[in-house]
Protein backbone atom coordinates (compact mmCIF):
# COMPACT_ATOMS: atom_id res chain seq x y z
CA MET A 1 62.03 -185.34 139.93
CA THR A 2 59.96 -182.53 141.41
CA SER A 3 61.47 -179.33 142.75
CA SER A 4 60.22 -180.21 146.26
CA MET A 5 62.05 -183.54 146.06
CA THR A 6 65.16 -181.68 144.99
CA ARG A 7 64.96 -179.55 148.12
CA ARG A 8 64.41 -182.58 150.36
CA ASP A 9 67.30 -184.41 148.77
CA PHE A 10 69.45 -181.35 149.28
CA ILE A 11 68.49 -181.10 152.95
CA ARG A 12 69.17 -184.78 153.62
CA GLY A 13 72.22 -185.16 151.45
CA THR A 14 74.23 -181.96 151.50
CA ALA A 15 72.92 -179.42 154.02
CA VAL A 16 75.37 -180.63 156.65
CA ALA A 17 78.24 -180.19 154.24
CA VAL A 18 77.25 -176.63 153.57
CA LEU A 19 77.22 -176.07 157.33
CA GLY A 20 87.65 -177.40 154.65
CA ALA A 21 89.62 -175.58 152.69
CA SER A 22 91.99 -173.42 154.73
CA ALA A 23 92.26 -170.28 152.64
CA ALA A 24 94.10 -167.06 153.17
CA LEU A 25 90.77 -165.28 153.49
CA GLY A 26 89.65 -167.52 156.32
CA GLN A 27 92.87 -168.34 158.16
CA ASP A 28 92.24 -167.19 161.72
CA PRO A 29 95.09 -167.41 164.23
CA ALA A 30 92.65 -167.07 167.15
CA ALA A 31 90.65 -170.20 166.30
CA PRO A 32 91.65 -173.72 167.38
CA ALA A 33 93.97 -175.56 165.02
CA GLY A 34 92.17 -176.55 161.85
CA LYS A 35 89.12 -174.38 162.57
CA THR A 36 87.88 -171.03 161.29
CA ARG A 37 86.38 -168.72 163.88
CA VAL A 38 83.03 -167.01 163.35
CA VAL A 39 81.52 -164.77 166.03
CA LEU A 40 77.78 -164.35 166.52
CA VAL A 41 76.95 -161.39 168.75
CA ARG A 42 73.45 -160.34 169.82
CA HIS A 43 71.98 -157.67 172.09
CA PRO A 44 68.34 -157.26 173.17
CA GLU A 45 68.57 -153.49 172.73
CA ALA A 46 70.09 -153.50 169.23
CA LEU A 47 66.64 -152.38 168.02
CA ASP A 48 64.05 -150.42 169.92
CA ALA A 49 60.31 -151.13 170.20
CA ASN A 50 59.78 -149.54 166.78
CA SER A 51 62.57 -151.63 165.18
CA ALA A 52 64.83 -148.58 164.88
CA PHE A 53 68.56 -149.29 165.09
CA ASN A 54 70.33 -148.43 168.35
CA GLU A 55 73.62 -147.03 167.05
CA PRO A 56 75.70 -147.13 170.28
CA VAL A 57 74.63 -150.71 171.00
CA ILE A 58 75.39 -151.85 167.45
CA ARG A 59 78.79 -150.15 167.58
CA GLN A 60 79.58 -152.01 170.82
CA MET A 61 78.38 -155.29 169.30
CA LEU A 62 80.77 -154.87 166.39
CA ASP A 63 83.64 -153.97 168.73
CA ASP A 64 82.96 -157.03 170.87
CA ALA A 65 82.74 -159.33 167.87
CA VAL A 66 85.93 -158.14 166.17
CA SER A 67 87.84 -158.17 169.47
CA LYS A 68 86.75 -161.75 170.14
CA LEU A 69 87.44 -162.77 166.57
CA LEU A 70 91.10 -161.85 167.04
CA ASP A 71 91.34 -162.56 170.80
CA LEU A 72 92.19 -158.98 171.69
CA SER A 73 90.65 -156.81 174.42
CA ASP A 74 90.90 -153.50 172.55
CA PRO A 75 88.78 -153.12 169.38
CA VAL A 76 91.12 -150.49 167.97
CA GLU A 77 94.05 -152.88 168.32
CA ALA A 78 91.92 -155.55 166.65
CA PHE A 79 91.24 -153.30 163.67
CA LYS A 80 94.95 -152.47 163.50
CA ARG A 81 95.48 -156.18 162.86
CA LEU A 82 93.03 -156.02 159.97
CA VAL A 83 94.13 -152.80 158.23
CA LYS A 84 97.30 -150.70 158.18
CA PRO A 85 97.63 -146.91 158.00
CA ASP A 86 98.88 -147.08 154.40
CA ASP A 87 95.91 -149.20 153.23
CA ILE A 88 93.22 -147.95 150.89
CA VAL A 89 90.06 -149.47 152.34
CA GLY A 90 86.85 -150.14 150.45
CA ILE A 91 83.82 -150.98 152.59
CA LYS A 92 81.50 -152.98 150.33
CA THR A 93 77.97 -152.36 151.53
CA ASN A 94 74.55 -153.19 150.10
CA VAL A 95 71.92 -150.63 149.14
CA TRP A 96 68.91 -152.86 148.40
CA SER A 97 66.15 -150.45 149.37
CA PHE A 98 64.12 -152.84 151.51
CA LEU A 99 66.98 -154.23 153.57
CA PRO A 100 70.22 -152.25 153.12
CA THR A 101 73.38 -152.47 155.17
CA PRO A 102 72.40 -150.54 158.31
CA ALA A 103 73.98 -147.09 158.54
CA PRO A 104 75.17 -147.73 162.13
CA VAL A 105 77.18 -150.73 160.88
CA GLU A 106 78.69 -148.71 158.04
CA GLN A 107 79.64 -145.84 160.33
CA ALA A 108 81.03 -148.12 163.05
CA LEU A 109 83.26 -149.84 160.50
CA LYS A 110 84.48 -146.54 159.07
CA ARG A 111 85.15 -145.18 162.57
CA ARG A 112 87.33 -148.12 163.50
CA VAL A 113 89.23 -148.02 160.20
CA LEU A 114 89.95 -144.36 160.93
CA ASP A 115 91.03 -145.29 164.45
CA ALA A 116 93.42 -147.84 162.96
CA GLY A 117 95.22 -144.95 161.26
CA VAL A 118 93.82 -145.01 157.73
CA ALA A 119 93.31 -141.53 156.28
CA GLU A 120 89.69 -140.58 155.63
CA GLN A 121 90.36 -139.92 151.95
CA ASN A 122 91.52 -143.54 151.68
CA ILE A 123 88.25 -145.01 152.96
CA GLY A 124 85.21 -145.50 150.73
CA LEU A 125 81.75 -147.03 151.02
CA ASP A 126 80.01 -148.25 147.88
CA ASP A 127 77.85 -150.94 146.36
CA HIS A 128 76.74 -150.67 142.74
CA THR A 129 79.81 -148.89 141.33
CA VAL A 130 82.62 -150.70 143.15
CA ARG A 131 83.99 -152.10 139.92
CA THR A 132 84.72 -148.64 138.53
CA ASN A 133 84.92 -146.53 141.70
CA PRO A 134 88.53 -145.18 141.70
CA LEU A 135 88.98 -145.86 145.40
CA PHE A 136 87.84 -149.48 145.05
CA VAL A 137 89.97 -149.93 141.95
CA LYS A 138 93.02 -148.89 144.01
CA ALA A 139 91.89 -150.56 147.24
CA THR A 140 94.43 -152.68 149.10
CA ALA A 141 91.90 -153.89 151.70
CA LEU A 142 88.19 -154.64 151.60
CA ILE A 143 85.54 -154.96 154.31
CA ASN A 144 82.38 -156.82 153.31
CA ALA A 145 79.14 -155.86 155.11
CA ARG A 146 75.55 -156.68 154.21
CA PRO A 147 72.28 -158.08 155.66
CA VAL A 148 71.38 -161.76 155.40
CA ARG A 149 68.23 -162.73 153.50
CA THR A 150 66.86 -165.42 151.24
CA HIS A 151 67.27 -165.06 147.48
CA TYR A 152 65.10 -166.65 144.81
CA LEU A 153 68.08 -167.90 142.77
CA ALA A 154 70.98 -168.34 145.18
CA GLY A 155 68.87 -169.47 148.11
CA MET A 156 70.60 -166.96 150.38
CA SER A 157 72.14 -163.54 149.90
CA GLY A 158 75.15 -163.18 152.14
CA CYS A 159 78.76 -162.07 152.05
CA LEU A 160 79.59 -164.22 149.02
CA LYS A 161 76.81 -162.76 146.91
CA ASN A 162 77.61 -159.23 148.06
CA TYR A 163 80.64 -159.18 145.76
CA ILE A 164 78.60 -159.74 142.59
CA MET A 165 78.96 -156.03 141.81
CA PHE A 166 82.67 -156.66 141.16
CA ALA A 167 81.73 -158.93 138.24
CA GLU A 168 81.90 -157.69 134.66
CA SER A 169 78.58 -159.47 134.07
CA GLN A 170 76.25 -160.07 137.00
CA PRO A 171 73.83 -162.29 135.02
CA ALA A 172 76.76 -164.58 134.19
CA HIS A 173 76.71 -165.68 137.83
CA HIS A 174 72.97 -166.47 137.94
CA PRO A 175 72.87 -169.96 136.34
CA ASP A 176 72.79 -173.13 138.45
CA SER A 177 71.57 -171.37 141.62
CA CYS A 178 74.41 -168.83 141.40
CA ALA A 179 76.91 -171.64 141.88
CA SER A 180 79.88 -169.55 140.73
CA LEU A 181 79.64 -166.79 143.35
CA GLY A 182 82.78 -168.02 145.08
CA SER A 183 84.81 -167.17 141.98
CA LEU A 184 84.16 -163.48 142.65
CA PHE A 185 86.71 -163.63 145.45
CA LEU A 186 89.36 -164.69 142.92
CA LEU A 187 88.91 -161.62 140.70
CA PRO A 188 92.08 -159.48 140.50
CA GLN A 189 90.28 -156.49 142.06
CA VAL A 190 89.28 -158.63 145.05
CA LYS A 191 91.66 -161.54 145.52
CA GLY A 192 93.38 -161.61 148.90
CA LYS A 193 92.03 -158.22 149.98
CA THR A 194 89.03 -159.06 152.18
CA ARG A 195 89.98 -158.47 155.82
CA LEU A 196 86.57 -158.73 157.49
CA ASN A 197 83.05 -159.97 156.70
CA VAL A 198 80.04 -158.68 158.62
CA LEU A 199 76.75 -160.45 157.92
CA CYS A 200 74.06 -158.29 159.47
CA ALA A 201 71.42 -160.42 161.18
CA LEU A 202 69.69 -157.54 162.93
CA THR A 203 66.51 -158.00 160.87
CA PRO A 204 67.01 -161.03 158.59
CA GLN A 205 64.53 -162.07 155.91
CA PHE A 206 63.86 -165.82 155.98
CA HIS A 207 61.56 -166.19 152.96
CA GLY A 208 60.75 -164.53 149.63
CA ARG A 209 58.63 -165.18 146.55
CA GLY A 210 60.63 -164.00 143.58
CA PRO A 211 63.17 -161.39 142.43
CA HIS A 212 63.42 -158.38 144.73
CA ASN A 213 60.57 -159.68 146.87
CA PHE A 214 60.23 -158.20 150.34
CA SER A 215 57.56 -158.74 152.94
CA ARG A 216 57.68 -157.55 156.53
CA ARG A 217 55.91 -160.81 157.32
CA TYR A 218 59.13 -162.72 156.69
CA VAL A 219 61.48 -160.41 158.60
CA TRP A 220 62.19 -160.78 162.28
CA ASN A 221 64.17 -158.84 164.87
CA TYR A 222 67.00 -161.26 165.57
CA LYS A 223 69.29 -158.44 166.73
CA GLY A 224 72.55 -160.08 165.73
CA LEU A 225 75.77 -159.71 163.75
CA ILE A 226 77.75 -162.62 162.29
CA VAL A 227 81.41 -161.68 161.93
CA GLY A 228 84.47 -163.46 160.53
CA GLN A 229 87.45 -163.27 158.22
CA ASP A 230 86.20 -166.17 156.09
CA PRO A 231 83.15 -165.25 153.94
CA VAL A 232 82.26 -168.90 153.35
CA ALA A 233 82.17 -169.75 157.05
CA VAL A 234 80.20 -166.59 157.82
CA ASP A 235 77.63 -167.46 155.15
CA ALA A 236 77.45 -171.08 156.32
CA VAL A 237 76.47 -169.82 159.78
CA GLY A 238 73.99 -167.38 158.23
CA LEU A 239 72.40 -170.23 156.29
CA ARG A 240 72.00 -172.27 159.48
CA LEU A 241 70.14 -169.33 160.99
CA ILE A 242 67.82 -168.96 157.99
CA MET A 243 67.15 -172.70 157.92
CA ALA A 244 66.35 -172.76 161.64
CA LYS A 245 63.84 -169.93 161.28
CA ARG A 246 62.24 -171.48 158.20
CA ARG A 247 61.88 -174.79 160.03
CA ILE A 248 59.95 -173.03 162.79
CA GLU A 249 57.81 -170.77 160.60
CA LEU A 250 57.33 -172.81 157.40
CA GLY A 251 57.84 -176.41 158.50
CA PRO A 252 60.59 -179.01 157.90
CA ASP A 253 59.79 -179.44 154.20
CA GLN A 254 60.56 -175.76 153.61
CA GLU A 255 63.63 -175.66 155.86
CA THR A 256 66.03 -174.94 153.02
CA PRO A 257 65.48 -172.03 150.63
CA PRO A 258 65.95 -172.76 146.88
CA VAL A 259 69.14 -174.80 146.87
CA PRO A 260 71.94 -172.53 148.28
CA LYS A 261 74.70 -174.65 146.77
CA HIS A 262 77.09 -171.73 146.18
CA ILE A 263 78.33 -171.76 149.79
CA GLN A 264 79.62 -175.32 149.67
CA ILE A 265 80.97 -174.82 146.13
CA ALA A 266 82.89 -171.74 147.29
CA ASP A 267 84.78 -174.14 149.56
CA THR A 268 85.08 -177.31 147.50
CA LYS A 269 85.60 -175.82 144.03
CA TYR A 270 86.99 -172.33 144.56
CA GLY A 271 88.85 -172.96 147.82
CA ILE A 272 88.18 -169.54 149.32
CA GLY A 273 86.98 -170.65 152.75
CA THR A 274 85.36 -173.24 154.98
CA ALA A 275 81.77 -174.50 154.69
CA ASP A 276 82.13 -177.63 156.84
CA PRO A 277 80.53 -176.99 160.27
CA ALA A 278 83.02 -179.34 161.90
CA LYS A 279 85.75 -176.90 160.87
CA ILE A 280 83.98 -173.75 162.05
CA GLU A 281 84.33 -172.51 165.62
CA LEU A 282 81.14 -170.57 166.29
CA VAL A 283 81.60 -168.24 169.26
CA LYS A 284 78.39 -166.77 170.70
CA LEU A 285 78.42 -163.48 172.57
CA GLY A 286 75.73 -161.56 174.40
CA TRP A 287 72.01 -162.23 174.33
CA LEU A 288 71.10 -165.92 173.94
CA ASP A 289 67.27 -165.88 173.96
CA ASP A 290 65.85 -167.52 170.82
CA ILE A 291 69.33 -167.75 169.34
CA LEU A 292 68.21 -170.72 167.13
CA ILE A 293 71.73 -171.94 166.29
């Protein structure tokens, strides 16, 4: 069987399943019974004409998304539901040079954690050294924030893959299209600690051609954030977005990036969240032009 046939079979046979385990990470009291809420927020002024980030707008987008996620009108009160003053909070970012977690997102998250009463010395931001960083070793709460992009092995890099730096061996999670990424959320340093997942879709990358590949040609100004408590549901929505853009730009045969099976497996094998679209309540806020999903 050719690799192109494998992709087509995946699209026809399992893409819907990627897009219900009810896990502690994804249990959302604001969503309808049996569903996990994910919020997609967009704003036409999130980036300016030069694609520079608009910090006040992005901060407001995050506030709106988290407030809606928890059905509260005050973003500070919403963050107080996520973290407590005695928590030690690690904000897991991503420093890939071409498409890092945007600084305005990092700073907005830190600001709201401070507003929730957590002492500044108990808040850390890190990527590559989270496994040994003393604050992350002691962390009682984690916030997961990174951009969404395609990946030559996993198909998509999202919130699930962002935790690979917690693994003792990163290459150990590369076989079989990174199928074991969901197990990262069961590691002792991580299990039960993730309070919020922010998948940055401000400038997503919908295609790549190998390890660490980046081309401005495959990046577009979507100006969105995908926010939820369940990393599997958040990534399932992110995958739908990537697939929709690929369908438009590359054609139906290239709709799905190299088989992103790890999202469904995170649900069905590791039980850490919900990949089934029928069990995800996607709430859309703000700007709807060219929303794609």
